[in-house]
Amino acid sequence: RQRVYKLEDERHNVTDRRKALEKAFEWGDRIPIGIFYQEKRPTYRDNLPQIKDDPLTKLTTEDIDIIPLLRRMK
């Protein structure tokens, strides 16, 4: 427990991927804990406008015609 230190106490830059990897392999006299790397980007759901307001389970499928899609797949 004496060897463990928090990365945020040392003002670790969580946007530096290379430095995060170096810290991940750091072991011995000192062992880092905390957030090693963080990247802000859209979630999977953010990239799907059809489920922006409602989950897929709430959407209706009655008015969807898949015949053209099936024909293209022949």
Foldseek 3Di string as FASTA:
>chain_A
DVQEDECVVVVADQDDPVQLVVLCPDDDSHHYDDRSHDDDDDDPQVPDVVPPPHHPVPDDDPPDDCVVVVVVVD
